Amino acid sequence: MVKIKTTIAHKDPVITIRGLEKSFEQNTVLRGIDLDLYQGENLAVLGRSGTGKSVLIKIICGLLKPDAGEVKVFGQEITHITEKQLQEIRVRIGFSFQNSALYDSMTVRKNLEFPLVRNRTKLSRKEINDAVEGTLDAVGLLQAINQMPAELSGGQRKRIGIARTLILNPEVMLYDEPTAGLDPITSIEINSLINEVQQRYKTSSIIITHDLTCAKMTGDRVAMLLDGKFERQGSFEEVFDTDDERVKPFYDYNFIK
């Protein structure tokens, strides 16, 4: 049985976006979007490939600069801060890349140690070991600690990628297509892990996806990106309760066999 998330009460926003615009030469992907991510919620952002979903989260963590608009993260406007301030914000944000972004030449242990020792320079060896083992246990892969990424399945690599992000105890998680390329059963396992991370680590998350099952399982709220704007927001049922011809084929492709 697929668990459907229920809407949670809005608290304080940890990310506030107003009038965000982004173009690449003649291709405009974001056309003045507004969005809030509230404390403790999972927000699923839906849209077709090439609609700017991944561009959005790259702007949020400062990997891309917007052409116009305001992006506040933890109350700070990220386009008006120093590189040092931006780095301090990035440490509080976990970015789970679509391809997991593991270092193939490192064991799972070393992959998790890398961000930890770079950002927490005063930790003892015991503290590092405890953090690595505890985080791997949280994603159900402690037994893989000495394996190489090439020895792992696609689903295991996704879990390790999430674990490496969690090692710094981020306040916000940004998931870029977390179920892309996975079989249905493994996808459900990753969706369940996203919900477990929310509960265990008290994170606020943006989940970029075109997988409606992922959005339905993980999203406390769903926002659909259409033609460069968030045209529909609300519960999964509210977003798809429409005759909008831009929305209906999206639902039919995912759920009608």
C-alpha atoms as a PDB file:
ATOM      1  CA  MET A   1       0.000   0.000   0.000  1.00  0.00           C
ATOM      2  CA  VAL A   2       1.389   3.398  -1.011  1.00  0.00           C
ATOM      3  CA  LYS A   3       1.288   5.818   1.893  1.00  0.00           C
ATOM      4  CA  ILE A   4      -0.227   9.191   0.998  1.00  0.00           C
ATOM      5  CA  LYS A   5       1.149  12.131   2.938  1.00  0.00           C
ATOM      6  CA  THR A   6      -1.248  14.423   4.743  1.00  0.00           C
ATOM      7  CA  THR A   7      -0.969  18.201   4.741  1.00  0.00           C
ATOM      8  CA  ILE A   8       0.858  19.603   7.761  1.00  0.00           C
ATOM      9  CA  ALA A   9       0.278  22.977   9.392  1.00  0.00           C
ATOM     10  CA  HIS A  10       2.453  25.783   8.036  1.00  0.00           C
ATOM     11  CA  LYS A  11       5.137  27.059  10.385  1.00  0.00           C
ATOM     12  CA  ASP A  12       7.870  29.586   9.675  1.00  0.00           C
ATOM     13  CA  PRO A  13       9.309  29.534   6.130  1.00  0.00           C
ATOM     14  CA  VAL A  14      12.952  28.476   5.873  1.00  0.00           C
ATOM     15  CA  ILE A  15      13.079  29.395   2.173  1.00  0.00           C
ATOM     16  CA  THR A  16      11.173  32.284   0.593  1.00  0.00           C
ATOM     17  CA  ILE A  17      11.246  32.953  -3.155  1.00  0.00           C
ATOM     18  CA  ARG A  18       9.620  35.936  -4.853  1.00  0.00           C
ATOM     19  CA  GLY A  19       9.643  36.900  -8.530  1.00  0.00           C
ATOM     20  CA  LEU A  20      12.467  34.497  -9.449  1.00  0.00           C
ATOM     21  CA  GLU A  21      13.539  34.590 -13.084  1.00  0.00           C
ATOM     22  CA  LYS A  22      16.204  32.603 -14.931  1.00  0.00           C
ATOM     23  CA  SER A  23      17.067  32.293 -18.604  1.00  0.00           C
ATOM     24  CA  PHE A  24      19.817  30.583 -20.562  1.00  0.00           C
ATOM     25  CA  GLU A  25      20.421  32.677 -23.676  1.00  0.00           C
ATOM     26  CA  GLN A  26      17.040  32.701 -25.446  1.00  0.00           C
ATOM     27  CA  ASN A  27      15.515  29.943 -23.293  1.00  0.00           C
ATOM     28  CA  THR A  28      13.535  31.296 -20.309  1.00  0.00           C
ATOM     29  CA  VAL A  29      12.956  28.532 -17.750  1.00  0.00           C
ATOM     30  CA  LEU A  30      11.725  30.417 -14.667  1.00  0.00           C
ATOM     31  CA  ARG A  31       9.272  33.270 -15.203  1.00  0.00           C
ATOM     32  CA  GLY A  32       8.826  35.162 -11.951  1.00  0.00           C
ATOM     33  CA  ILE A  33       8.030  32.287  -9.592  1.00  0.00           C
ATOM     34  CA  ASP A  34       6.963  32.585  -5.947  1.00  0.00           C
ATOM     35  CA  LEU A  35       7.470  29.753  -3.463  1.00  0.00           C
ATOM     36  CA  ASP A  36       7.799  29.105   0.268  1.00  0.00           C
ATOM     37  CA  LEU A  37       9.275  26.076   2.007  1.00  0.00           C
ATOM     38  CA  TYR A  38       7.984  25.819   5.555  1.00  0.00           C
ATOM     39  CA  GLN A  39       9.800  24.437   8.547  1.00  0.00           C
ATOM     40  CA  GLY A  40       9.441  20.671   8.826  1.00  0.00           C
ATOM     41  CA  GLU A  41       7.605  20.051   5.534  1.00  0.00           C
ATOM     42  CA  ASN A  42       8.378  17.986   2.465  1.00  0.00           C
ATOM     43  CA  LEU A  43       7.532  19.968  -0.664  1.00  0.00           C
ATOM     44  CA  ALA A  44       7.373  17.971  -3.901  1.00  0.00           C
ATOM     45  CA  VAL A  45       8.037  20.043  -7.022  1.00  0.00           C
ATOM     46  CA  LEU A  46       6.602  18.435 -10.150  1.00  0.00           C
ATOM     47  CA  GLY A  47       7.208  19.270 -13.779  1.00  0.00           C
ATOM     48  CA  ARG A  48       8.264  17.926 -17.124  1.00  0.00           C
ATOM     49  CA  SER A  49      11.937  17.534 -18.031  1.00  0.00           C
ATOM     50  CA  GLY A  50      13.528  20.848 -18.937  1.00  0.00           C
ATOM     51  CA  THR A  51      11.015  22.994 -17.048  1.00  0.00           C
ATOM     52  CA  GLY A  52      13.557  24.412 -14.598  1.00  0.00           C
ATOM     53  CA  LYS A  53      13.052  22.166 -11.562  1.00  0.00           C
ATOM     54  CA  SER A  54      16.741  21.408 -11.074  1.00  0.00           C
ATOM     55  CA  VAL A  55      17.652  25.008 -11.918  1.00  0.00           C
ATOM     56  CA  LEU A  56      15.483  26.083  -8.991  1.00  0.00           C
ATOM     57  CA  ILE A  57      17.348  24.101  -6.348  1.00  0.00           C
ATOM     58  CA  LYS A  58      20.735  25.028  -7.809  1.00  0.00           C
ATOM     59  CA  ILE A  59      19.761  28.677  -7.351  1.00  0.00           C
ATOM     60  CA  ILE A  60      18.633  27.992  -3.777  1.00  0.00           C
ATOM     61  CA  CYS A  61      22.048  26.627  -2.787  1.00  0.00           C
ATOM     62  CA  GLY A  62      23.970  29.251  -4.747  1.00  0.00           C
ATOM     63  CA  LEU A  63      25.260  27.088  -7.588  1.00  0.00           C
ATOM     64  CA  LEU A  64      23.455  29.334 -10.092  1.00  0.00           C
ATOM     65  CA  LYS A  65      22.619  33.026  -9.915  1.00  0.00           C
ATOM     66  CA  PRO A  66      19.095  34.229 -10.766  1.00  0.00           C
ATOM     67  CA  ASP A  67      18.498  36.920 -13.367  1.00  0.00           C
ATOM     68  CA  ALA A  68      15.902  38.635 -11.164  1.00  0.00           C
ATOM     69  CA  GLY A  69      13.903  38.095  -7.996  1.00  0.00           C
ATOM     70  CA  GLU A  70      14.536  37.398  -4.325  1.00  0.00           C
ATOM     71  CA  VAL A  71      15.705  34.131  -2.748  1.00  0.00           C
ATOM     72  CA  LYS A  72      15.893  34.068   1.038  1.00  0.00           C
ATOM     73  CA  VAL A  73      17.350  31.032   2.791  1.00  0.00           C
ATOM     74  CA  PHE A  74      17.224  31.040   6.605  1.00  0.00           C
ATOM     75  CA  GLY A  75      16.241  34.698   6.314  1.00  0.00           C
ATOM     76  CA  GLN A  76      19.274  35.732   4.248  1.00  0.00           C
ATOM     77  CA  GLU A  77      19.036  36.961   0.652  1.00  0.00           C
ATOM     78  CA  ILE A  78      21.571  34.656  -1.011  1.00  0.00           C
ATOM     79  CA  THR A  79      22.412  36.986  -3.899  1.00  0.00           C
ATOM     80  CA  HIS A  80      23.493  39.743  -1.488  1.00  0.00           C
ATOM     81  CA  ILE A  81      25.836  37.866   0.834  1.00  0.00           C
ATOM     82  CA  THR A  82      29.564  37.164   0.875  1.00  0.00           C
ATOM     83  CA  GLU A  83      31.100  33.893  -0.285  1.00  0.00           C
ATOM     84  CA  LYS A  84      31.857  33.041   3.354  1.00  0.00           C
ATOM     85  CA  GLN A  85      28.211  33.597   4.351  1.00  0.00           C
ATOM     86  CA  LEU A  86      27.059  31.512   1.388  1.00  0.00           C
ATOM     87  CA  GLN A  87      29.347  28.665   2.444  1.00  0.00           C
ATOM     88  CA  GLU A  88      27.913  28.812   5.969  1.00  0.00           C
ATOM     89  CA  ILE A  89      24.406  28.453   4.497  1.00  0.00           C
ATOM     90  CA  ARG A  90      25.464  25.576   2.235  1.00  0.00           C
ATOM     91  CA  VAL A  91      26.672  23.587   5.249  1.00  0.00           C
ATOM     92  CA  ARG A  92      23.094  23.758   6.571  1.00  0.00           C
ATOM     93  CA  ILE A  93      21.670  22.449   3.266  1.00  0.00           C
ATOM     94  CA  GLY A  94      21.929  18.864   2.047  1.00  0.00           C
ATOM     95  CA  PHE A  95      21.942  18.429  -1.743  1.00  0.00           C
ATOM     96  CA  SER A  96      21.145  14.897  -2.929  1.00  0.00           C
ATOM     97  CA  PHE A  97      22.237  14.806  -6.571  1.00  0.00           C
ATOM     98  CA  GLN A  98      20.400  12.757  -9.192  1.00  0.00           C
ATOM     99  CA  ASN A  99      23.469  10.600  -9.894  1.00  0.00           C
ATOM    100  CA  SER A 100      24.359  10.286  -6.171  1.00  0.00           C
ATOM    101  CA  ALA A 101      27.721  12.064  -6.874  1.00  0.00           C
ATOM    102  CA  LEU A 102      29.860   9.506  -5.032  1.00  0.00           C
ATOM    103  CA  TYR A 103      33.626   9.360  -5.448  1.00  0.00           C
ATOM    104  CA  ASP A 104      34.243   6.069  -7.243  1.00  0.00           C
ATOM    105  CA  SER A 105      37.825   5.825  -5.961  1.00  0.00           C
ATOM    106  CA  MET A 106      36.726   5.961  -2.308  1.00  0.00           C
ATOM    107  CA  THR A 107      35.040   3.371  -0.130  1.00  0.00           C
ATOM    108  CA  VAL A 108      31.620   4.134   1.302  1.00  0.00           C
ATOM    109  CA  ARG A 109      33.313   5.017   4.605  1.00  0.00           C
ATOM    110  CA  LYS A 110      35.679   7.492   2.932  1.00  0.00           C
ATOM    111  CA  ASN A 111      32.814   9.013   0.902  1.00  0.00           C
ATOM    112  CA  LEU A 112      31.006   9.874   4.138  1.00  0.00           C
ATOM    113  CA  GLU A 113      34.149  10.993   5.957  1.00  0.00           C
ATOM    114  CA  PHE A 114      35.101  13.461   3.219  1.00  0.00           C
ATOM    115  CA  PRO A 115      32.463  16.179   3.866  1.00  0.00           C
ATOM    116  CA  LEU A 116      32.638  15.576   7.603  1.00  0.00           C
ATOM    117  CA  VAL A 117      36.386  16.143   8.068  1.00  0.00           C
ATOM    118  CA  ARG A 118      36.342  19.091   5.650  1.00  0.00           C
ATOM    119  CA  ASN A 119      33.619  20.919   7.604  1.00  0.00           C
ATOM    120  CA  ARG A 120      34.170  19.620  11.166  1.00  0.00           C
ATOM    121  CA  THR A 121      37.932  19.893  11.540  1.00  0.00           C
ATOM    122  CA  LYS A 122      38.108  19.292  15.313  1.00  0.00           C
ATOM    123  CA  LEU A 123      36.412  15.896  15.442  1.00  0.00           C
ATOM    124  CA  SER A 124      38.254  12.937  16.957  1.00  0.00           C
ATOM    125  CA  ARG A 125      38.622   9.658  15.083  1.00  0.00           C
ATOM    126  CA  LYS A 126      35.999   8.086  17.375  1.00  0.00           C
ATOM    127  CA  GLU A 127      33.540  10.916  16.670  1.00  0.00           C
ATOM    128  CA  ILE A 128      34.096  10.509  12.924  1.00  0.00           C
ATOM    129  CA  ASN A 129      33.616   6.755  13.102  1.00  0.00           C
ATOM    130  CA  ASP A 130      30.467   7.101  15.226  1.00  0.00           C
ATOM    131  CA  ALA A 131      28.994   9.673  12.824  1.00  0.00           C
ATOM    132  CA  VAL A 132      29.716   7.565   9.737  1.00  0.00           C
ATOM    133  CA  GLU A 133      28.390   4.352  11.253  1.00  0.00           C
ATOM    134  CA  GLY A 134      25.328   6.024  12.748  1.00  0.00           C
ATOM    135  CA  THR A 135      24.388   7.700   9.474  1.00  0.00           C
ATOM    136  CA  LEU A 136      24.862   4.517   7.461  1.00  0.00           C
ATOM    137  CA  ASP A 137      22.727   2.664   9.979  1.00  0.00           C
ATOM    138  CA  ALA A 138      20.023   5.327   9.563  1.00  0.00           C
ATOM    139  CA  VAL A 139      19.805   4.586   5.820  1.00  0.00           C
ATOM    140  CA  GLY A 140      20.024   0.816   6.343  1.00  0.00           C
ATOM    141  CA  LEU A 141      23.463   0.256   4.789  1.00  0.00           C
ATOM    142  CA  LEU A 142      25.932  -0.105   7.648  1.00  0.00           C
ATOM    143  CA  GLN A 143      27.024  -3.414   6.126  1.00  0.00           C
ATOM    144  CA  ALA A 144      28.267  -1.586   3.011  1.00  0.00           C
ATOM    145  CA  ILE A 145      30.735   0.606   4.910  1.00  0.00           C
ATOM    146  CA  ASN A 146      33.870  -0.896   3.330  1.00  0.00           C
ATOM    147  CA  GLN A 147      32.487  -1.427  -0.161  1.00  0.00           C
ATOM    148  CA  MET A 148      33.285   0.616  -3.259  1.00  0.00           C
ATOM    149  CA  PRO A 149      30.485   2.496  -5.058  1.00  0.00           C
ATOM    150  CA  ALA A 150      30.876   0.263  -8.124  1.00  0.00           C
ATOM    151  CA  GLU A 151      29.896  -2.727  -5.979  1.00  0.00           C
ATOM    152  CA  LEU A 152      26.536  -1.177  -5.030  1.00  0.00           C
ATOM    153  CA  SER A 153      23.165  -1.296  -6.765  1.00  0.00           C
ATOM    154  CA  GLY A 154      21.507   1.870  -8.027  1.00  0.00           C
ATOM    155  CA  GLY A 155      19.228   2.005  -4.995  1.00  0.00           C
ATOM    156  CA  GLN A 156      22.139   1.482  -2.611  1.00  0.00           C
ATOM    157  CA  ARG A 157      24.087   4.290  -4.305  1.00  0.00           C
ATOM    158  CA  LYS A 158      21.081   6.583  -3.817  1.00  0.00           C
ATOM    159  CA  ARG A 159      20.987   5.685  -0.128  1.00  0.00           C
ATOM    160  CA  ILE A 160      24.716   6.284   0.299  1.00  0.00           C
ATOM    161  CA  GLY A 161      24.390   9.626  -1.503  1.00  0.00           C
ATOM    162  CA  ILE A 162      21.651  10.628   0.932  1.00  0.00           C
ATOM    163  CA  ALA A 163      23.750   9.383   3.870  1.00  0.00           C
ATOM    164  CA  ARG A 164      26.720  11.490   2.772  1.00  0.00           C
ATOM    165  CA  THR A 165      24.414  14.501   2.726  1.00  0.00           C
ATOM    166  CA  LEU A 166      22.970  13.687   6.164  1.00  0.00           C
ATOM    167  CA  ILE A 167      26.384  13.328   7.812  1.00  0.00           C
ATOM    168  CA  LEU A 168      26.435  17.101   8.449  1.00  0.00           C
ATOM    169  CA  ASN A 169      22.927  17.108   9.979  1.00  0.00           C
ATOM    170  CA  PRO A 170      21.427  19.570   7.471  1.00  0.00           C
ATOM    171  CA  GLU A 171      18.321  21.587   8.261  1.00  0.00           C
ATOM    172  CA  VAL A 172      17.142  21.583   4.634  1.00  0.00           C
ATOM    173  CA  MET A 173      17.332  18.712   2.138  1.00  0.00           C
ATOM    174  CA  LEU A 174      17.196  19.245  -1.628  1.00  0.00           C
ATOM    175  CA  TYR A 175      16.499  16.025  -3.550  1.00  0.00           C
ATOM    176  CA  ASP A 176      17.060  16.099  -7.317  1.00  0.00           C
ATOM    177  CA  GLU A 177      15.018  13.308  -8.985  1.00  0.00           C
ATOM    178  CA  PRO A 178      15.617  10.813  -6.138  1.00  0.00           C
ATOM    179  CA  THR A 179      13.850   7.908  -7.915  1.00  0.00           C
ATOM    180  CA  ALA A 180      15.224   8.469 -11.419  1.00  0.00           C
ATOM    181  CA  GLY A 181      16.435   5.244 -13.029  1.00  0.00           C
ATOM    182  CA  LEU A 182      15.193   2.991 -10.236  1.00  0.00           C
ATOM    183  CA  ASP A 183      12.774   0.079 -10.434  1.00  0.00           C
ATOM    184  CA  PRO A 184       9.339   0.562  -8.794  1.00  0.00           C
ATOM    185  CA  ILE A 185      10.136  -1.386  -5.605  1.00  0.00           C
ATOM    186  CA  THR A 186      13.449   0.412  -5.033  1.00  0.00           C
ATOM    187  CA  SER A 187      11.717   3.730  -5.767  1.00  0.00           C
ATOM    188  CA  ILE A 188       9.196   3.052  -3.001  1.00  0.00           C
ATOM    189  CA  GLU A 189      12.081   2.258  -0.635  1.00  0.00           C
ATOM    190  CA  ILE A 190      13.757   5.586  -1.459  1.00  0.00           C
ATOM    191  CA  ASN A 191      10.447   7.429  -0.996  1.00  0.00           C
ATOM    192  CA  SER A 192      10.065   5.807   2.420  1.00  0.00           C
ATOM    193  CA  LEU A 193      13.634   6.821   3.289  1.00  0.00           C
ATOM    194  CA  ILE A 194      12.867  10.464   2.406  1.00  0.00           C
ATOM    195  CA  ASN A 195       9.953  10.361   4.854  1.00  0.00           C
ATOM    196  CA  GLU A 196      12.130   8.704   7.494  1.00  0.00           C
ATOM    197  CA  VAL A 197      14.772  11.414   7.074  1.00  0.00           C
ATOM    198  CA  GLN A 198      12.091  14.081   7.576  1.00  0.00           C
ATOM    199  CA  GLN A 199      10.963  12.483  10.824  1.00  0.00           C
ATOM    200  CA  ARG A 200      14.360  11.493  12.215  1.00  0.00           C
ATOM    201  CA  TYR A 201      16.376  14.580  11.270  1.00  0.00           C
ATOM    202  CA  LYS A 202      13.515  17.129  11.412  1.00  0.00           C
ATOM    203  CA  THR A 203      14.423  18.402   7.962  1.00  0.00           C
ATOM    204  CA  SER A 204      12.554  20.682   5.600  1.00  0.00           C
ATOM    205  CA  SER A 205      12.849  19.319   2.062  1.00  0.00           C
ATOM    206  CA  ILE A 206      12.282  20.144  -1.582  1.00  0.00           C
ATOM    207  CA  ILE A 207      11.886  17.017  -3.688  1.00  0.00           C
ATOM    208  CA  ILE A 208      12.346  17.645  -7.420  1.00  0.00           C
ATOM    209  CA  THR A 209      10.614  14.904  -9.397  1.00  0.00           C
ATOM    210  CA  HIS A 210       8.544  13.971 -12.412  1.00  0.00           C
ATOM    211  CA  ASP A 211       7.505  10.738 -10.643  1.00  0.00           C
ATOM    212  CA  LEU A 212       3.949  11.172  -9.366  1.00  0.00           C
ATOM    213  CA  THR A 213       4.235   8.234  -6.974  1.00  0.00           C
ATOM    214  CA  CYS A 214       7.248   9.934  -5.402  1.00  0.00           C
ATOM    215  CA  ALA A 215       5.299  13.194  -5.083  1.00  0.00           C
ATOM    216  CA  LYS A 216       2.279  11.403  -3.624  1.00  0.00           C
ATOM    217  CA  MET A 217       4.303   9.421  -1.083  1.00  0.00           C
ATOM    218  CA  THR A 218       6.681  12.133   0.084  1.00  0.00           C
ATOM    219  CA  GLY A 219       4.993  15.499  -0.414  1.00  0.00           C
ATOM    220  CA  ASP A 220       3.169  17.207   2.426  1.00  0.00           C
ATOM    221  CA  ARG A 221       2.503  19.751  -0.293  1.00  0.00           C
ATOM    222  CA  VAL A 222       2.889  19.588  -4.073  1.00  0.00           C
ATOM    223  CA  ALA A 223       3.767  22.422  -6.449  1.00  0.00           C
ATOM    224  CA  MET A 224       3.532  21.954 -10.214  1.00  0.00           C
ATOM    225  CA  LEU A 225       5.829  23.959 -12.452  1.00  0.00           C
ATOM    226  CA  LEU A 226       4.099  24.808 -15.726  1.00  0.00           C
ATOM    227  CA  ASP A 227       5.469  27.145 -18.381  1.00  0.00           C
ATOM    228  CA  GLY A 228       8.011  28.578 -15.961  1.00  0.00           C
ATOM    229  CA  LYS A 229       5.597  29.291 -13.097  1.00  0.00           C
ATOM    230  CA  PHE A 230       3.998  27.456 -10.188  1.00  0.00           C
ATOM    231  CA  GLU A 231       0.467  27.364 -11.537  1.00  0.00           C
ATOM    232  CA  ARG A 232      -0.886  24.791  -9.055  1.00  0.00           C
ATOM    233  CA  GLN A 233      -0.019  24.202  -5.386  1.00  0.00           C
ATOM    234  CA  GLY A 234      -1.664  22.227  -2.603  1.00  0.00           C
ATOM    235  CA  SER A 235      -2.222  18.604  -1.700  1.00  0.00           C
ATOM    236  CA  PHE A 236      -1.637  15.994  -4.393  1.00  0.00           C
ATOM    237  CA  GLU A 237      -5.391  15.652  -4.888  1.00  0.00           C
ATOM    238  CA  GLU A 238      -5.875  19.430  -5.129  1.00  0.00           C
ATOM    239  CA  VAL A 239      -3.152  19.812  -7.747  1.00  0.00           C
ATOM    240  CA  PHE A 240      -4.656  17.143  -9.994  1.00  0.00           C
ATOM    241  CA  ASP A 241      -8.300  18.081  -9.491  1.00  0.00           C
ATOM    242  CA  THR A 242      -8.352  20.029 -12.753  1.00  0.00           C
ATOM    243  CA  ASP A 243      -9.243  19.827 -16.424  1.00  0.00           C
ATOM    244  CA  ASP A 244      -6.081  21.736 -17.342  1.00  0.00           C
ATOM    245  CA  GLU A 245      -4.775  19.975 -20.449  1.00  0.00           C
ATOM    246  CA  ARG A 246      -1.207  20.661 -19.325  1.00  0.00           C
ATOM    247  CA  VAL A 247      -1.801  18.626 -16.154  1.00  0.00           C
ATOM    248  CA  LYS A 248      -4.058  15.738 -17.179  1.00  0.00           C
ATOM    249  CA  PRO A 249      -1.596  13.984 -19.549  1.00  0.00           C
ATOM    250  CA  PHE A 250       1.024  14.107 -16.792  1.00  0.00           C
ATOM    251  CA  TYR A 251      -1.291  12.187 -14.473  1.00  0.00           C
ATOM    252  CA  ASP A 252      -2.424   9.772 -17.186  1.00  0.00           C
ATOM    253  CA  TYR A 253       1.150   8.823 -18.115  1.00  0.00           C
ATOM    254  CA  ASN A 254       2.036   7.977 -14.508  1.00  0.00           C
ATOM    255  CA  PHE A 255      -1.130   6.224 -13.366  1.00  0.00           C
ATOM    256  CA  ILE A 256      -3.185   4.962 -16.318  1.00  0.00           C
ATOM    257  CA  LYS A 257      -1.932   1.751 -17.859  1.00  0.00           C
END
